[in-house]
Amino acid sequence: MRIDRFISEFEGLSRSCSRSLIKSGKVSVDGMIVRDPSLHVEENASVVLDGKRVVVFGMIYIMMNKPAGYVCSREKSEGPSVFDLVKERFSHDLSVAGRLDRDSTGLTLLSNDGQFVHHVISPRKAIEKEYLVQTVKPLTPEQIEAMSGGLLIGRGEFSKPVRVRVMGESSIEITLTEGRFHEIKRLVKASGNEVRALHRSRIGGLSLPESMKPGEWIDIGENALKKITGAK
């Protein structure tokens, strides 16, 4: 990897800023000052920027309790983002594995591992996503039956949950293995009701801890996929 890219990736700096720092003699590799931005370095090299070791962060797997009012997008015009909650150098390199709407809450996964993200969101992998849904009106037996059997939700799409479990008069737990755009809201609307609140509590075998407050996150480590799929 080029030294300017190395500094840019692991310090969250622009390539032009990295090149300027290198040319000014503020970067050393294995104890030797370098001034050539195109110099190739290995990721295990000892790179020091302005007296501070550049830490290679590797693969990151984050579990977050997404709060309401935050989007799973980097588009500044859409408002506060889940990426703003991860105030680390590596935050610019993360992607969301299964987005939630702005007003939805709960378990959100972020990673810089593209294969992991694809595995979690791919319908072919059939990973269950569990949601607690509060409805605007009390649920009727007909609505529960309709959602359980599957409904056309528009755009020629058919949604059939893995499970629909009644939790209260206006509360249900819906489990899906797909992730169509606004699928739960469209499913509930197709049944004759509307969603008041939506909270994702589980992805595969990974459940959101009740102790985790909105906006909090933890790195669940390189065995994240095993925790989700239950693989040994």
Protein backbone atom coordinates (compact mmCIF):
# COMPACT_ATOMS: atom_id res chain seq x y z
CA MET A 1 0.00 0.00 0.00
CA ARG A 2 1.27 3.51 -0.79
CA ILE A 3 2.29 5.49 2.28
CA ASP A 4 -0.09 8.38 1.42
CA ARG A 5 -2.99 5.93 1.21
CA PHE A 6 -1.86 4.23 4.43
CA ILE A 7 -1.94 7.54 6.33
CA SER A 8 -5.24 8.51 4.71
CA GLU A 9 -7.01 5.22 5.55
CA PHE A 10 -5.84 4.76 9.10
CA GLU A 11 -5.84 8.41 10.20
CA GLY A 12 -9.00 9.50 8.40
CA LEU A 13 -7.19 12.23 6.44
CA SER A 14 -7.57 13.25 2.81
CA ARG A 15 -4.94 11.98 0.37
CA SER A 16 -3.78 15.55 -0.33
CA CYS A 17 -3.33 16.24 3.39
CA SER A 18 -1.45 12.95 3.81
CA ARG A 19 0.89 13.81 0.95
CA SER A 20 1.62 17.25 2.44
CA LEU A 21 2.49 15.72 5.81
CA ILE A 22 4.79 13.17 4.18
CA LYS A 23 6.59 15.76 2.05
CA SER A 24 7.11 17.96 5.12
CA GLY A 25 9.03 15.14 6.85
CA LYS A 26 6.43 14.38 9.55
CA VAL A 27 6.15 10.69 8.70
CA SER A 28 8.62 7.90 9.43
CA VAL A 29 8.51 4.22 8.48
CA ASP A 30 10.41 1.74 10.66
CA GLY A 31 12.39 4.61 12.15
CA MET A 32 13.31 6.30 8.86
CA ILE A 33 11.79 9.64 7.80
CA VAL A 34 10.13 9.35 4.37
CA ARG A 35 9.19 12.13 1.96
CA ASP A 36 7.94 10.13 -1.01
CA PRO A 37 4.09 9.76 -0.92
CA SER A 38 4.27 6.88 -3.41
CA LEU A 39 6.52 4.74 -1.20
CA HIS A 40 5.07 1.24 -0.70
CA VAL A 41 4.67 0.02 2.90
CA GLU A 42 3.30 -3.16 4.45
CA GLU A 43 0.41 -2.96 6.91
CA ASN A 44 2.64 -4.39 9.66
CA ALA A 45 5.20 -1.58 9.19
CA SER A 46 5.82 0.80 12.08
CA VAL A 47 4.48 4.10 10.73
CA VAL A 48 4.76 7.22 12.90
CA LEU A 49 2.97 10.48 12.11
CA ASP A 50 4.16 13.59 13.92
CA GLY A 51 5.52 11.48 16.81
CA LYS A 52 2.43 9.24 17.12
CA ARG A 53 2.20 5.62 15.93
CA VAL A 54 -0.43 5.05 13.24
CA VAL A 55 -2.63 2.17 14.41
CA VAL A 56 -3.98 -0.25 11.81
CA PHE A 57 -7.52 -1.01 12.94
CA GLY A 58 -8.29 -3.99 10.67
CA MET A 59 -11.85 -5.31 10.39
CA ILE A 60 -14.48 -3.68 12.59
CA TYR A 61 -17.86 -5.20 13.55
CA ILE A 62 -20.14 -2.89 15.51
CA MET A 63 -23.46 -3.53 17.22
CA MET A 64 -25.42 -0.34 17.94
CA ASN A 65 -28.72 0.49 19.57
CA LYS A 66 -29.89 2.99 16.97
CA PRO A 67 -31.87 5.88 18.46
CA ALA A 68 -34.87 7.49 16.77
CA GLY A 69 -34.08 10.53 14.65
CA TYR A 70 -30.90 9.12 13.09
CA VAL A 71 -30.57 7.91 9.50
CA CYS A 72 -28.45 5.02 8.23
CA SER A 73 -26.99 7.20 5.49
CA ARG A 74 -24.02 9.51 4.99
CA GLU A 75 -26.13 12.08 3.12
CA LYS A 76 -25.73 15.24 5.21
CA SER A 77 -29.01 16.69 3.93
CA GLU A 78 -30.92 13.83 5.60
CA GLY A 79 -29.90 14.90 9.11
CA PRO A 80 -28.05 13.19 11.99
CA SER A 81 -26.50 9.85 11.02
CA VAL A 82 -25.59 6.67 12.89
CA PHE A 83 -22.05 7.25 11.61
CA ASP A 84 -21.92 10.46 13.69
CA LEU A 85 -22.31 8.30 16.81
CA VAL A 86 -19.10 6.36 16.09
CA LYS A 87 -16.49 9.00 16.85
CA GLU A 88 -13.49 6.94 15.79
CA ARG A 89 -10.94 7.19 12.97
CA PHE A 90 -12.45 4.19 11.23
CA SER A 91 -16.02 5.54 11.14
CA HIS A 92 -15.58 6.90 7.60
CA ASP A 93 -14.94 3.34 6.36
CA LEU A 94 -18.08 1.72 7.82
CA SER A 95 -21.24 0.53 6.06
CA VAL A 96 -24.60 -0.46 7.56
CA ALA A 97 -25.66 -4.11 7.33
CA GLY A 98 -29.43 -3.63 7.07
CA ARG A 99 -30.76 -0.10 7.32
CA LEU A 100 -33.48 1.16 9.65
CA ASP A 101 -35.70 4.16 8.95
CA ARG A 102 -35.08 7.49 10.65
CA ASP A 103 -37.87 6.94 13.19
CA SER A 104 -37.07 3.26 13.80
CA THR A 105 -34.83 2.07 16.63
CA GLY A 106 -32.83 -0.92 17.73
CA LEU A 107 -30.14 -3.35 16.62
CA THR A 108 -27.98 -1.95 13.83
CA LEU A 109 -24.78 -3.53 12.52
CA LEU A 110 -21.92 -1.51 11.01
CA SER A 111 -18.72 -2.89 9.52
CA ASN A 112 -15.89 -2.20 7.10
CA ASP A 113 -16.05 -5.85 5.99
CA GLY A 114 -18.01 -5.87 2.73
CA GLN A 115 -18.45 -9.65 2.69
CA PHE A 116 -19.92 -9.56 6.20
CA VAL A 117 -22.37 -6.78 5.23
CA HIS A 118 -23.46 -8.70 2.12
CA HIS A 119 -23.91 -11.94 4.08
CA VAL A 120 -26.17 -10.26 6.65
CA ILE A 121 -28.45 -8.52 4.14
CA SER A 122 -28.59 -11.18 1.41
CA PRO A 123 -32.05 -12.82 1.16
CA ARG A 124 -30.29 -16.02 0.02
CA LYS A 125 -28.68 -16.39 3.46
CA ALA A 126 -32.15 -16.24 5.10
CA ILE A 127 -30.89 -14.60 8.29
CA GLU A 128 -33.82 -13.76 10.54
CA LYS A 129 -34.47 -10.16 11.60
CA GLU A 130 -36.88 -9.71 14.49
CA TYR A 131 -38.90 -6.53 15.04
CA LEU A 132 -41.21 -5.33 17.79
CA VAL A 133 -44.01 -3.35 16.15
CA GLN A 134 -46.43 -0.95 17.82
CA THR A 135 -49.50 -0.24 15.69
CA VAL A 136 -51.67 2.88 15.50
CA LYS A 137 -54.93 0.95 15.96
CA PRO A 138 -55.65 -2.20 17.97
CA LEU A 139 -54.86 -5.31 15.96
CA THR A 140 -57.72 -7.52 14.78
CA PRO A 141 -57.56 -11.31 14.32
CA GLU A 142 -58.11 -10.72 10.59
CA GLN A 143 -55.07 -8.44 10.37
CA ILE A 144 -52.87 -10.94 12.21
CA GLU A 145 -54.06 -13.76 9.95
CA ALA A 146 -53.51 -11.68 6.81
CA MET A 147 -49.94 -10.74 7.77
CA SER A 148 -49.11 -14.29 8.81
CA GLY A 149 -50.26 -15.65 5.46
CA GLY A 150 -48.44 -12.98 3.47
CA LEU A 151 -49.67 -9.94 1.56
CA LEU A 152 -48.99 -7.97 -1.58
CA ILE A 153 -47.33 -4.78 -0.35
CA GLY A 154 -47.13 -2.83 -3.60
CA ARG A 155 -44.63 -2.57 -6.45
CA GLY A 156 -45.53 -6.14 -7.32
CA GLU A 157 -43.86 -7.38 -4.12
CA PHE A 158 -45.20 -10.08 -1.80
CA SER A 159 -44.18 -10.22 1.85
CA LYS A 160 -44.61 -13.29 4.03
CA PRO A 161 -43.04 -13.15 7.50
CA VAL A 162 -41.39 -16.16 9.08
CA ARG A 163 -43.46 -15.47 12.20
CA VAL A 164 -46.04 -13.03 13.48
CA ARG A 165 -46.53 -13.18 17.24
CA VAL A 166 -49.11 -11.16 19.17
CA MET A 167 -47.53 -9.27 22.07
CA GLY A 168 -50.41 -7.01 23.09
CA GLU A 169 -53.52 -5.25 21.86
CA SER A 170 -51.50 -2.99 19.55
CA SER A 171 -48.19 -4.82 19.63
CA ILE A 172 -46.76 -7.63 17.51
CA GLU A 173 -43.42 -9.27 16.91
CA ILE A 174 -42.61 -9.81 13.23
CA THR A 175 -39.71 -11.94 11.99
CA LEU A 176 -38.44 -11.57 8.41
CA THR A 177 -35.56 -12.98 6.40
CA GLU A 178 -35.79 -10.36 3.66
CA GLY A 179 -35.21 -6.62 3.83
CA ARG A 180 -37.38 -4.90 1.25
CA PHE A 181 -37.76 -1.12 1.38
CA HIS A 182 -40.07 -0.21 4.31
CA GLU A 183 -41.25 -3.82 4.28
CA ILE A 184 -42.80 -3.92 7.75
CA LYS A 185 -44.59 -0.60 7.37
CA ARG A 186 -45.94 -1.68 3.99
CA LEU A 187 -46.99 -5.09 5.34
CA VAL A 188 -48.87 -3.61 8.30
CA LYS A 189 -50.52 -1.01 6.04
CA ALA A 190 -51.59 -3.73 3.59
CA SER A 191 -53.32 -5.49 6.49
CA GLY A 192 -55.38 -2.35 7.25
CA ASN A 193 -53.34 -0.85 10.08
CA GLU A 194 -50.30 1.43 10.45
CA VAL A 195 -47.01 1.35 12.32
CA ARG A 196 -46.60 3.71 15.27
CA ALA A 197 -43.15 2.50 16.35
CA LEU A 198 -40.65 -0.06 15.08
CA HIS A 199 -37.75 -1.60 17.03
CA ARG A 200 -35.34 -4.28 15.74
CA SER A 201 -34.34 -6.59 18.57
CA ARG A 202 -32.49 -9.46 16.87
CA ILE A 203 -30.48 -10.36 13.77
CA GLY A 204 -29.91 -14.11 13.49
CA GLY A 205 -28.58 -15.35 16.82
CA LEU A 206 -27.49 -11.87 17.93
CA SER A 207 -29.92 -10.02 20.22
CA LEU A 208 -29.66 -6.43 21.37
CA PRO A 209 -28.80 -6.35 25.10
CA GLU A 210 -31.51 -4.67 27.18
CA SER A 211 -28.77 -2.80 29.03
CA MET A 212 -27.56 -1.03 25.88
CA LYS A 213 -28.90 2.53 25.79
CA PRO A 214 -29.97 4.32 22.58
CA GLY A 215 -26.89 5.62 20.77
CA GLU A 216 -24.49 3.21 22.49
CA TRP A 217 -22.36 0.78 20.49
CA ILE A 218 -19.79 -1.96 21.04
CA ASP A 219 -17.33 -3.80 18.80
CA ILE A 220 -18.53 -7.41 18.77
CA GLY A 221 -15.28 -8.69 17.22
CA GLU A 222 -14.25 -10.91 14.35
CA ASN A 223 -16.60 -13.73 15.40
CA ALA A 224 -19.60 -11.48 14.62
CA LEU A 225 -20.86 -13.67 11.81
CA LYS A 226 -20.64 -16.77 13.97
CA LYS A 227 -22.70 -15.01 16.64
CA ILE A 228 -25.32 -14.14 14.03
CA THR A 229 -25.46 -17.48 12.18
CA GLY A 230 -24.77 -19.75 15.15
CA ALA A 231 -21.95 -21.43 13.21
CA LYS A 232 -19.32 -23.30 15.23
